[in-house]
């Protein structure tokens, strides 16, 4: 069996995954900051603006502007914090959930089309096997 240059493989994998993510983002109709907020709210549930700013690693003022834009589009709503009346929780609306699902669907559709048109059936099998390995790496 041939020896593997682990560092080179890691570098090439990082570049390939990065390129794949950047290409998938071209299907987006929402700005990245707004889409990221919707994704966090979907995965984590309602959060305050401060919590969103912290997980996104942006200033509170920047997150407040993003939240204001999302509220104006009815993609998120505001509700009183159940334990601290001074705070407001930001939560996905039904329209926000639908926008997020549509975004994910466009990405999956683009990727499925690319797999079907760019890879041979044998390569598709290899990719299916590689996905399991990538999932293991992601869980590490």
N, C-alpha and C. Protein backbone atom coordinates (compact mmCIF):
# COMPACT_ATOMS: atom_id res chain seq x y z
N UNK A 1 0.84 -1.18 0.00
CA UNK A 1 0.00 0.00 0.00
C UNK A 1 0.89 1.25 0.00
N UNK A 2 0.51 2.24 -0.79
CA UNK A 2 1.29 3.47 -0.90
C UNK A 2 1.20 4.28 0.38
N UNK A 3 2.31 4.96 0.68
CA UNK A 3 2.33 5.82 1.86
C UNK A 3 1.56 7.11 1.57
N UNK A 4 0.87 7.61 2.58
CA UNK A 4 0.06 8.82 2.44
C UNK A 4 0.75 9.97 3.15
N UNK A 5 0.81 11.11 2.44
CA UNK A 5 1.32 12.33 3.06
C UNK A 5 0.14 12.99 3.76
N UNK A 6 0.02 12.75 5.07
CA UNK A 6 -1.14 13.21 5.84
C UNK A 6 -1.28 14.73 5.80
N UNK A 7 -0.18 15.45 5.91
CA UNK A 7 -0.24 16.92 5.90
C UNK A 7 -0.74 17.42 4.55
N UNK A 8 -0.24 16.84 3.48
CA UNK A 8 -0.70 17.25 2.15
C UNK A 8 -2.18 16.91 1.96
N UNK A 9 -2.56 15.72 2.40
CA UNK A 9 -3.97 15.32 2.30
C UNK A 9 -4.86 16.29 3.08
N UNK A 10 -4.43 16.63 4.28
CA UNK A 10 -5.21 17.58 5.09
C UNK A 10 -5.31 18.93 4.40
N UNK A 11 -4.23 19.40 3.82
CA UNK A 11 -4.23 20.69 3.12
C UNK A 11 -5.15 20.66 1.91
N UNK A 12 -5.07 19.60 1.13
CA UNK A 12 -5.92 19.47 -0.06
C UNK A 12 -7.40 19.32 0.32
N UNK A 13 -7.66 18.59 1.39
CA UNK A 13 -9.03 18.43 1.87
C UNK A 13 -9.61 19.76 2.32
N UNK A 14 -8.82 20.53 3.09
CA UNK A 14 -9.27 21.84 3.54
C UNK A 14 -9.60 22.73 2.35
N UNK A 15 -8.74 22.75 1.35
CA UNK A 15 -8.98 23.58 0.17
C UNK A 15 -10.21 23.11 -0.61
N UNK A 16 -10.36 21.80 -0.76
CA UNK A 16 -11.50 21.27 -1.50
C UNK A 16 -12.82 21.56 -0.79
N UNK A 17 -12.85 21.32 0.51
CA UNK A 17 -14.08 21.57 1.28
C UNK A 17 -14.39 23.07 1.27
N UNK A 18 -13.36 23.90 1.43
CA UNK A 18 -13.57 25.34 1.38
C UNK A 18 -14.15 25.78 0.05
N UNK A 19 -13.61 25.24 -1.04
CA UNK A 19 -14.13 25.58 -2.37
C UNK A 19 -15.56 25.11 -2.56
N UNK A 20 -15.86 23.93 -2.04
CA UNK A 20 -17.21 23.39 -2.13
C UNK A 20 -18.19 24.28 -1.36
N UNK A 21 -17.82 24.70 -0.17
CA UNK A 21 -18.68 25.56 0.64
C UNK A 21 -18.87 26.91 -0.06
N UNK A 22 -17.79 27.49 -0.57
CA UNK A 22 -17.91 28.79 -1.26
C UNK A 22 -18.81 28.67 -2.47
N UNK A 23 -18.67 27.59 -3.23
CA UNK A 23 -19.51 27.40 -4.41
C UNK A 23 -20.97 27.20 -4.02
N UNK A 24 -21.22 26.46 -2.97
CA UNK A 24 -22.60 26.24 -2.52
C UNK A 24 -23.23 27.55 -2.07
N UNK A 25 -22.43 28.45 -1.50
CA UNK A 25 -22.96 29.73 -1.04
C UNK A 25 -23.48 30.59 -2.17
N UNK A 26 -23.03 30.32 -3.40
CA UNK A 26 -23.52 31.13 -4.52
C UNK A 26 -24.99 30.88 -4.80
N UNK A 27 -25.56 29.82 -4.22
CA UNK A 27 -26.99 29.55 -4.38
C UNK A 27 -27.82 30.34 -3.38
N UNK A 28 -27.15 31.00 -2.44
CA UNK A 28 -27.86 31.72 -1.37
C UNK A 28 -28.55 32.97 -1.87
N UNK A 29 -29.71 33.23 -1.30
CA UNK A 29 -30.43 34.45 -1.57
C UNK A 29 -30.40 35.38 -0.36
N UNK A 30 -29.95 34.88 0.75
CA UNK A 30 -29.81 35.68 1.96
C UNK A 30 -28.34 36.03 2.18
N UNK A 31 -28.04 37.22 2.67
CA UNK A 31 -26.66 37.50 3.03
C UNK A 31 -26.19 36.49 4.09
N UNK A 32 -24.89 36.20 4.07
CA UNK A 32 -24.33 35.16 4.93
C UNK A 32 -24.62 35.42 6.41
N UNK A 33 -24.48 36.66 6.87
CA UNK A 33 -24.71 36.95 8.29
C UNK A 33 -26.15 36.63 8.69
N UNK A 34 -27.10 36.97 7.83
CA UNK A 34 -28.50 36.69 8.13
C UNK A 34 -28.77 35.19 8.11
N UNK A 35 -28.23 34.50 7.13
CA UNK A 35 -28.42 33.05 7.04
C UNK A 35 -27.81 32.36 8.25
N UNK A 36 -26.66 32.83 8.70
CA UNK A 36 -26.01 32.22 9.87
C UNK A 36 -26.89 32.37 11.11
N UNK A 37 -27.50 33.52 11.29
CA UNK A 37 -28.39 33.74 12.44
C UNK A 37 -29.57 32.78 12.37
N UNK A 38 -30.17 32.65 11.21
CA UNK A 38 -31.30 31.72 11.07
C UNK A 38 -30.86 30.29 11.41
N UNK A 39 -29.67 29.92 10.96
CA UNK A 39 -29.16 28.58 11.24
C UNK A 39 -28.95 28.35 12.73
N UNK A 40 -28.35 29.33 13.41
CA UNK A 40 -28.15 29.20 14.86
C UNK A 40 -29.49 29.07 15.57
N UNK A 41 -30.45 29.91 15.21
CA UNK A 41 -31.75 29.85 15.88
C UNK A 41 -32.45 28.52 15.61
N UNK A 42 -32.26 27.98 14.44
CA UNK A 42 -32.86 26.69 14.11
C UNK A 42 -32.24 25.58 14.95
N UNK A 43 -30.92 25.60 15.08
CA UNK A 43 -30.22 24.54 15.82
C UNK A 43 -30.33 24.70 17.33
N UNK A 44 -30.24 25.94 17.82
CA UNK A 44 -30.13 26.19 19.26
C UNK A 44 -31.41 26.68 19.91
N UNK A 45 -32.36 27.15 19.13
CA UNK A 45 -33.57 27.71 19.69
C UNK A 45 -33.41 29.20 19.92
N UNK A 46 -34.43 29.83 20.49
CA UNK A 46 -34.40 31.28 20.70
C UNK A 46 -33.17 31.72 21.51
N UNK A 47 -32.62 32.87 21.12
CA UNK A 47 -31.44 33.42 21.78
C UNK A 47 -31.59 34.94 21.87
N UNK A 48 -30.86 35.54 22.77
CA UNK A 48 -30.83 37.00 22.84
C UNK A 48 -29.88 37.52 21.76
N UNK A 49 -29.99 38.81 21.49
CA UNK A 49 -29.07 39.43 20.53
C UNK A 49 -27.63 39.30 21.01
N UNK A 50 -27.41 39.45 22.32
CA UNK A 50 -26.06 39.31 22.87
C UNK A 50 -25.52 37.90 22.67
N UNK A 51 -26.35 36.90 22.88
CA UNK A 51 -25.92 35.52 22.68
C UNK A 51 -25.58 35.26 21.21
N UNK A 52 -26.41 35.78 20.32
CA UNK A 52 -26.15 35.63 18.89
C UNK A 52 -24.83 36.31 18.51
N UNK A 53 -24.60 37.51 19.05
CA UNK A 53 -23.36 38.23 18.77
C UNK A 53 -22.16 37.42 19.24
N UNK A 54 -22.28 36.80 20.40
CA UNK A 54 -21.18 36.02 20.95
C UNK A 54 -20.87 34.80 20.07
N UNK A 55 -21.89 34.05 19.68
CA UNK A 55 -21.63 32.85 18.88
C UNK A 55 -21.17 33.20 17.47
N UNK A 56 -21.58 34.34 16.97
CA UNK A 56 -21.14 34.79 15.64
C UNK A 56 -19.81 35.54 15.70
N UNK A 57 -19.39 35.87 16.92
CA UNK A 57 -18.16 36.62 17.15
C UNK A 57 -18.17 37.97 16.43
N UNK A 58 -19.29 38.69 16.65
CA UNK A 58 -19.42 40.05 16.13
C UNK A 58 -19.86 40.96 17.27
N UNK A 59 -19.77 42.24 17.05
CA UNK A 59 -20.22 43.20 18.06
C UNK A 59 -21.73 43.17 18.20
N UNK A 60 -22.18 43.52 19.39
CA UNK A 60 -23.62 43.56 19.67
C UNK A 60 -24.34 44.46 18.67
N UNK A 61 -23.74 45.62 18.38
CA UNK A 61 -24.38 46.58 17.46
C UNK A 61 -24.56 45.97 16.06
N UNK A 62 -23.56 45.21 15.60
CA UNK A 62 -23.66 44.57 14.29
C UNK A 62 -24.79 43.54 14.29
N UNK A 63 -24.86 42.76 15.36
CA UNK A 63 -25.91 41.75 15.45
C UNK A 63 -27.28 42.41 15.56
N UNK A 64 -27.36 43.50 16.29
CA UNK A 64 -28.64 44.22 16.41
C UNK A 64 -29.13 44.67 15.03
N UNK A 65 -28.22 45.13 14.17
CA UNK A 65 -28.61 45.52 12.81
C UNK A 65 -29.10 44.31 12.02
N UNK A 66 -28.39 43.20 12.14
CA UNK A 66 -28.81 41.98 11.44
C UNK A 66 -30.18 41.52 11.91
N UNK A 67 -30.38 41.53 13.22
CA UNK A 67 -31.68 41.13 13.78
C UNK A 67 -32.78 42.07 13.29
N UNK A 68 -32.51 43.36 13.25
CA UNK A 68 -33.50 44.34 12.77
C UNK A 68 -33.90 44.03 11.32
N UNK A 69 -32.92 43.70 10.48
CA UNK A 69 -33.21 43.34 9.09
C UNK A 69 -34.05 42.07 9.01
N UNK A 70 -33.74 41.09 9.85
CA UNK A 70 -34.50 39.84 9.85
C UNK A 70 -35.92 40.04 10.36
N UNK A 71 -36.08 40.89 11.36
CA UNK A 71 -37.42 41.21 11.87
C UNK A 71 -38.24 41.89 10.78
N UNK A 72 -37.62 42.84 10.07
CA UNK A 72 -38.31 43.57 9.00
C UNK A 72 -38.78 42.63 7.89
N UNK A 73 -38.06 41.52 7.68
CA UNK A 73 -38.44 40.54 6.67
C UNK A 73 -39.35 39.46 7.23
N UNK A 74 -39.70 39.57 8.50
CA UNK A 74 -40.53 38.59 9.20
C UNK A 74 -39.88 37.20 9.22
N UNK A 75 -38.55 37.16 9.23
CA UNK A 75 -37.85 35.88 9.31
C UNK A 75 -37.57 35.48 10.75
N UNK A 76 -37.54 36.47 11.63
CA UNK A 76 -37.44 36.22 13.07
C UNK A 76 -38.44 37.12 13.78
N UNK A 77 -38.79 36.71 14.98
CA UNK A 77 -39.65 37.52 15.82
C UNK A 77 -39.00 37.73 17.18
N UNK A 78 -39.54 38.64 17.94
CA UNK A 78 -39.01 38.93 19.26
C UNK A 78 -40.06 38.56 20.29
N UNK A 79 -39.58 38.01 21.40
CA UNK A 79 -40.48 37.62 22.48
C UNK A 79 -39.79 37.91 23.81
N UNK A 80 -40.56 38.18 24.85
CA UNK A 80 -39.95 38.45 26.16
C UNK A 80 -39.17 37.24 26.67
N UNK A 81 -38.07 37.51 27.32
CA UNK A 81 -37.28 36.44 27.94
C UNK A 81 -38.08 35.91 29.12
N UNK A 82 -38.22 34.59 29.26
CA UNK A 82 -39.06 34.04 30.32
C UNK A 82 -38.53 34.27 31.74
N UNK A 83 -37.21 34.47 31.90
CA UNK A 83 -36.63 34.63 33.24
C UNK A 83 -36.10 36.03 33.52
N UNK A 84 -35.92 36.83 32.47
CA UNK A 84 -35.36 38.16 32.67
C UNK A 84 -36.14 39.15 31.80
N UNK A 85 -37.03 39.87 32.42
CA UNK A 85 -37.90 40.79 31.70
C UNK A 85 -37.18 41.91 30.97
N UNK A 86 -35.91 42.13 31.28
CA UNK A 86 -35.13 43.17 30.60
C UNK A 86 -34.63 42.70 29.25
N UNK A 87 -34.68 41.39 29.01
CA UNK A 87 -34.12 40.82 27.79
C UNK A 87 -35.22 40.40 26.83
N UNK A 88 -34.84 40.31 25.56
CA UNK A 88 -35.74 39.86 24.51
C UNK A 88 -35.10 38.68 23.80
N UNK A 89 -35.88 37.65 23.56
CA UNK A 89 -35.40 36.50 22.80
C UNK A 89 -35.75 36.67 21.33
N UNK A 90 -34.84 36.25 20.49
CA UNK A 90 -35.04 36.26 19.05
C UNK A 90 -35.33 34.82 18.65
N UNK A 91 -36.41 34.63 17.90
CA UNK A 91 -36.81 33.28 17.51
C UNK A 91 -37.19 33.25 16.03
N UNK A 92 -36.99 32.09 15.42
CA UNK A 92 -37.41 31.92 14.02
C UNK A 92 -38.92 32.03 13.91
N UNK A 93 -39.38 32.66 12.85
CA UNK A 93 -40.79 32.63 12.51
C UNK A 93 -41.00 31.48 11.52
N UNK A 94 -42.23 31.21 11.18
CA UNK A 94 -42.50 30.18 10.18
C UNK A 94 -41.85 30.59 8.86
N UNK A 95 -41.92 31.86 8.51
CA UNK A 95 -41.30 32.34 7.27
C UNK A 95 -39.78 32.16 7.33
N UNK A 96 -39.18 32.37 8.49
CA UNK A 96 -37.74 32.17 8.65
C UNK A 96 -37.36 30.72 8.48
N UNK A 97 -38.16 29.83 9.06
CA UNK A 97 -37.89 28.39 8.93
C UNK A 97 -38.03 27.97 7.47
N UNK A 98 -39.04 28.50 6.79
CA UNK A 98 -39.24 28.17 5.38
C UNK A 98 -38.08 28.69 4.53
N UNK A 99 -37.62 29.91 4.81
CA UNK A 99 -36.49 30.48 4.07
C UNK A 99 -35.23 29.65 4.29
N UNK A 100 -35.02 29.21 5.52
CA UNK A 100 -33.85 28.39 5.85
C UNK A 100 -33.93 27.04 5.14
N UNK A 101 -35.09 26.41 5.15
CA UNK A 101 -35.27 25.13 4.47
C UNK A 101 -35.09 25.29 2.96
N UNK A 102 -35.59 26.38 2.40
CA UNK A 102 -35.43 26.62 0.96
C UNK A 102 -33.95 26.79 0.63
N UNK A 103 -33.24 27.51 1.48
CA UNK A 103 -31.80 27.72 1.29
C UNK A 103 -31.07 26.38 1.31
N UNK A 104 -31.38 25.56 2.29
CA UNK A 104 -30.75 24.25 2.39
C UNK A 104 -31.10 23.39 1.19
N UNK A 105 -32.35 23.47 0.77
CA UNK A 105 -32.79 22.70 -0.39
C UNK A 105 -32.06 23.10 -1.66
N UNK A 106 -31.85 24.40 -1.86
CA UNK A 106 -31.11 24.86 -3.04
C UNK A 106 -29.68 24.33 -3.02
N UNK A 107 -29.07 24.32 -1.84
CA UNK A 107 -27.70 23.81 -1.74
C UNK A 107 -27.65 22.31 -2.03
N UNK A 108 -28.60 21.57 -1.48
CA UNK A 108 -28.63 20.12 -1.72
C UNK A 108 -28.89 19.86 -3.20
N UNK A 109 -29.83 20.60 -3.80
CA UNK A 109 -30.13 20.41 -5.22
C UNK A 109 -28.90 20.68 -6.07
N UNK A 110 -28.18 21.78 -5.76
CA UNK A 110 -26.98 22.11 -6.53
C UNK A 110 -25.95 20.98 -6.40
N UNK A 111 -25.73 20.52 -5.17
CA UNK A 111 -24.72 19.50 -4.93
C UNK A 111 -25.12 18.17 -5.57
N UNK A 112 -26.39 17.80 -5.47
CA UNK A 112 -26.85 16.55 -6.09
C UNK A 112 -26.67 16.60 -7.60
N UNK A 113 -26.97 17.75 -8.19
CA UNK A 113 -26.79 17.91 -9.63
C UNK A 113 -25.31 17.80 -10.00
N UNK A 114 -24.45 18.44 -9.22
CA UNK A 114 -23.01 18.38 -9.49
C UNK A 114 -22.50 16.94 -9.37
N UNK A 115 -22.94 16.23 -8.37
CA UNK A 115 -22.52 14.83 -8.19
C UNK A 115 -22.98 13.99 -9.38
N UNK A 116 -24.24 14.19 -9.79
CA UNK A 116 -24.80 13.40 -10.89
C UNK A 116 -24.12 13.69 -12.22
N UNK A 117 -23.77 14.95 -12.45
CA UNK A 117 -23.23 15.31 -13.76
C UNK A 117 -21.71 15.26 -13.85
N UNK A 118 -21.02 15.43 -12.73
CA UNK A 118 -19.56 15.52 -12.75
C UNK A 118 -18.85 14.23 -12.37
N UNK A 119 -19.54 13.32 -11.69
CA UNK A 119 -18.89 12.10 -11.21
C UNK A 119 -19.47 10.87 -11.90
N UNK A 120 -18.60 9.94 -12.20
CA UNK A 120 -19.04 8.67 -12.77
C UNK A 120 -19.76 7.87 -11.68
N UNK A 121 -20.51 6.84 -12.06
CA UNK A 121 -21.15 6.01 -11.04
C UNK A 121 -20.14 5.44 -10.03
N UNK A 122 -18.97 5.03 -10.49
CA UNK A 122 -17.96 4.50 -9.57
C UNK A 122 -17.47 5.59 -8.62
N UNK A 123 -17.30 6.80 -9.14
CA UNK A 123 -16.87 7.91 -8.29
C UNK A 123 -17.96 8.28 -7.28
N UNK A 124 -19.22 8.16 -7.69
CA UNK A 124 -20.33 8.42 -6.77
C UNK A 124 -20.30 7.45 -5.60
N UNK A 125 -19.97 6.19 -5.86
CA UNK A 125 -19.85 5.19 -4.80
C UNK A 125 -18.71 5.58 -3.86
N UNK A 126 -17.57 5.96 -4.43
CA UNK A 126 -16.42 6.38 -3.61
C UNK A 126 -16.78 7.59 -2.76
N UNK A 127 -17.49 8.54 -3.35
CA UNK A 127 -17.88 9.73 -2.60
C UNK A 127 -18.81 9.36 -1.45
N UNK A 128 -19.73 8.46 -1.69
CA UNK A 128 -20.63 8.00 -0.63
C UNK A 128 -19.84 7.41 0.52
N UNK A 129 -18.81 6.65 0.21
CA UNK A 129 -17.96 6.08 1.26
C UNK A 129 -17.15 7.17 1.96
N UNK A 130 -16.66 8.14 1.19
CA UNK A 130 -15.86 9.22 1.76
C UNK A 130 -16.69 10.10 2.69
N UNK A 131 -17.96 10.27 2.40
CA UNK A 131 -18.83 11.10 3.25
C UNK A 131 -18.86 10.54 4.67
N UNK A 132 -18.90 9.24 4.79
CA UNK A 132 -18.90 8.61 6.12
C UNK A 132 -17.59 8.91 6.85
N UNK A 133 -16.49 8.90 6.11
CA UNK A 133 -15.20 9.22 6.73
C UNK A 133 -15.15 10.68 7.14
N UNK A 134 -15.65 11.56 6.30
CA UNK A 134 -15.66 12.99 6.64
C UNK A 134 -16.53 13.25 7.87
N UNK A 135 -17.64 12.55 7.96
CA UNK A 135 -18.51 12.71 9.14
C UNK A 135 -17.77 12.29 10.41
N UNK A 136 -16.99 11.22 10.31
CA UNK A 136 -16.18 10.79 11.46
C UNK A 136 -15.16 11.84 11.84
N UNK A 137 -14.50 12.43 10.84
CA UNK A 137 -13.54 13.49 11.13
C UNK A 137 -14.22 14.70 11.78
N UNK A 138 -15.39 15.03 11.28
CA UNK A 138 -16.11 16.18 11.83
C UNK A 138 -16.52 15.96 13.28
N UNK A 139 -16.74 14.71 13.65
CA UNK A 139 -17.14 14.38 15.02
C UNK A 139 -15.96 14.31 15.97
N UNK A 140 -14.74 14.29 15.44
CA UNK A 140 -13.52 14.14 16.26
C UNK A 140 -13.29 15.32 17.17
